[in-house]
């Protein structure tokens, strides 16, 4: 069963392309949903991705990608 990843393309902090590309390279079966995730307040200050309904936050895109790596492994 593939994981569901959700990223916001509206929040100013998220680099959707970089995050999506990193997820796709780590998880070939990734189901990535792009759109508003209703985390606007946090999304203005932190980078985030939701993996299987659990949100992950970081100060940088690189830190977020490292968190995603740990979840996938």
Protein backbone atom coordinates (compact mmCIF):
# COMPACT_ATOMS: atom_id res chain seq x y z
CA UNK A 1 0.00 0.00 0.00
CA UNK A 2 1.44 3.37 -0.97
CA UNK A 3 1.74 6.25 1.44
CA UNK A 4 -0.28 9.41 0.96
CA UNK A 5 1.75 12.62 1.05
CA UNK A 6 0.03 16.00 1.20
CA UNK A 7 1.79 19.29 0.51
CA UNK A 8 0.46 22.82 0.21
CA UNK A 9 1.09 24.89 -2.89
CA UNK A 10 -0.36 28.04 -1.33
CA UNK A 11 1.75 28.43 1.83
CA UNK A 12 4.73 30.66 1.15
CA UNK A 13 7.15 28.44 3.07
CA UNK A 14 6.65 25.25 1.07
CA UNK A 15 8.86 24.54 -1.94
CA UNK A 16 6.39 22.10 -3.47
CA UNK A 17 8.57 21.08 -6.42
CA UNK A 18 11.65 20.33 -4.32
CA UNK A 19 9.66 18.45 -1.68
CA UNK A 20 7.62 16.48 -4.24
CA UNK A 21 10.71 15.56 -6.26
CA UNK A 22 12.48 14.35 -3.11
CA UNK A 23 9.49 12.25 -2.08
CA UNK A 24 9.20 10.72 -5.56
CA UNK A 25 12.89 9.81 -5.58
CA UNK A 26 12.61 8.09 -2.18
CA UNK A 27 9.19 6.46 -2.62
CA UNK A 28 8.39 5.30 -6.14
CA UNK A 29 4.79 4.44 -5.16
CA UNK A 30 4.12 7.81 -3.52
CA UNK A 31 0.65 9.27 -3.83
CA UNK A 32 1.25 13.04 -3.60
CA UNK A 33 -1.72 15.35 -3.17
CA UNK A 34 -1.00 19.04 -3.71
CA UNK A 35 -3.37 21.70 -2.42
CA UNK A 36 -4.43 23.64 0.66
CA UNK A 37 -4.06 21.54 3.83
CA UNK A 38 -5.70 24.09 6.17
CA UNK A 39 -2.47 24.64 8.11
CA UNK A 40 -2.06 28.23 6.96
CA UNK A 41 -0.75 29.68 10.22
CA UNK A 42 1.96 27.06 10.58
CA UNK A 43 2.61 26.96 6.84
CA UNK A 44 3.61 30.61 6.88
CA UNK A 45 6.41 29.86 9.39
CA UNK A 46 7.46 26.25 8.82
CA UNK A 47 7.92 23.82 5.97
CA UNK A 48 5.57 20.87 6.23
CA UNK A 49 4.30 17.68 4.68
CA UNK A 50 1.51 15.41 5.85
CA UNK A 51 2.29 11.70 5.57
CA UNK A 52 -0.63 9.33 6.09
CA UNK A 53 -2.55 11.97 8.08
CA UNK A 54 0.42 12.87 10.35
CA UNK A 55 1.98 16.33 9.86
CA UNK A 56 5.75 16.84 9.91
CA UNK A 57 7.27 20.33 10.31
CA UNK A 58 10.79 21.70 9.85
CA UNK A 59 12.64 25.00 9.66
CA UNK A 60 14.18 24.22 6.24
CA UNK A 61 13.29 22.13 3.21
CA UNK A 62 16.39 19.99 3.78
CA UNK A 63 15.37 19.22 7.38
CA UNK A 64 11.89 18.31 6.18
CA UNK A 65 13.28 15.96 3.53
CA UNK A 66 15.42 14.27 6.23
CA UNK A 67 12.29 13.74 8.33
CA UNK A 68 10.51 12.22 5.33
CA UNK A 69 13.48 9.88 4.78
CA UNK A 70 13.22 8.61 8.35
CA UNK A 71 9.49 7.94 7.96
CA UNK A 72 10.00 6.04 4.70
CA UNK A 73 12.76 3.85 6.16
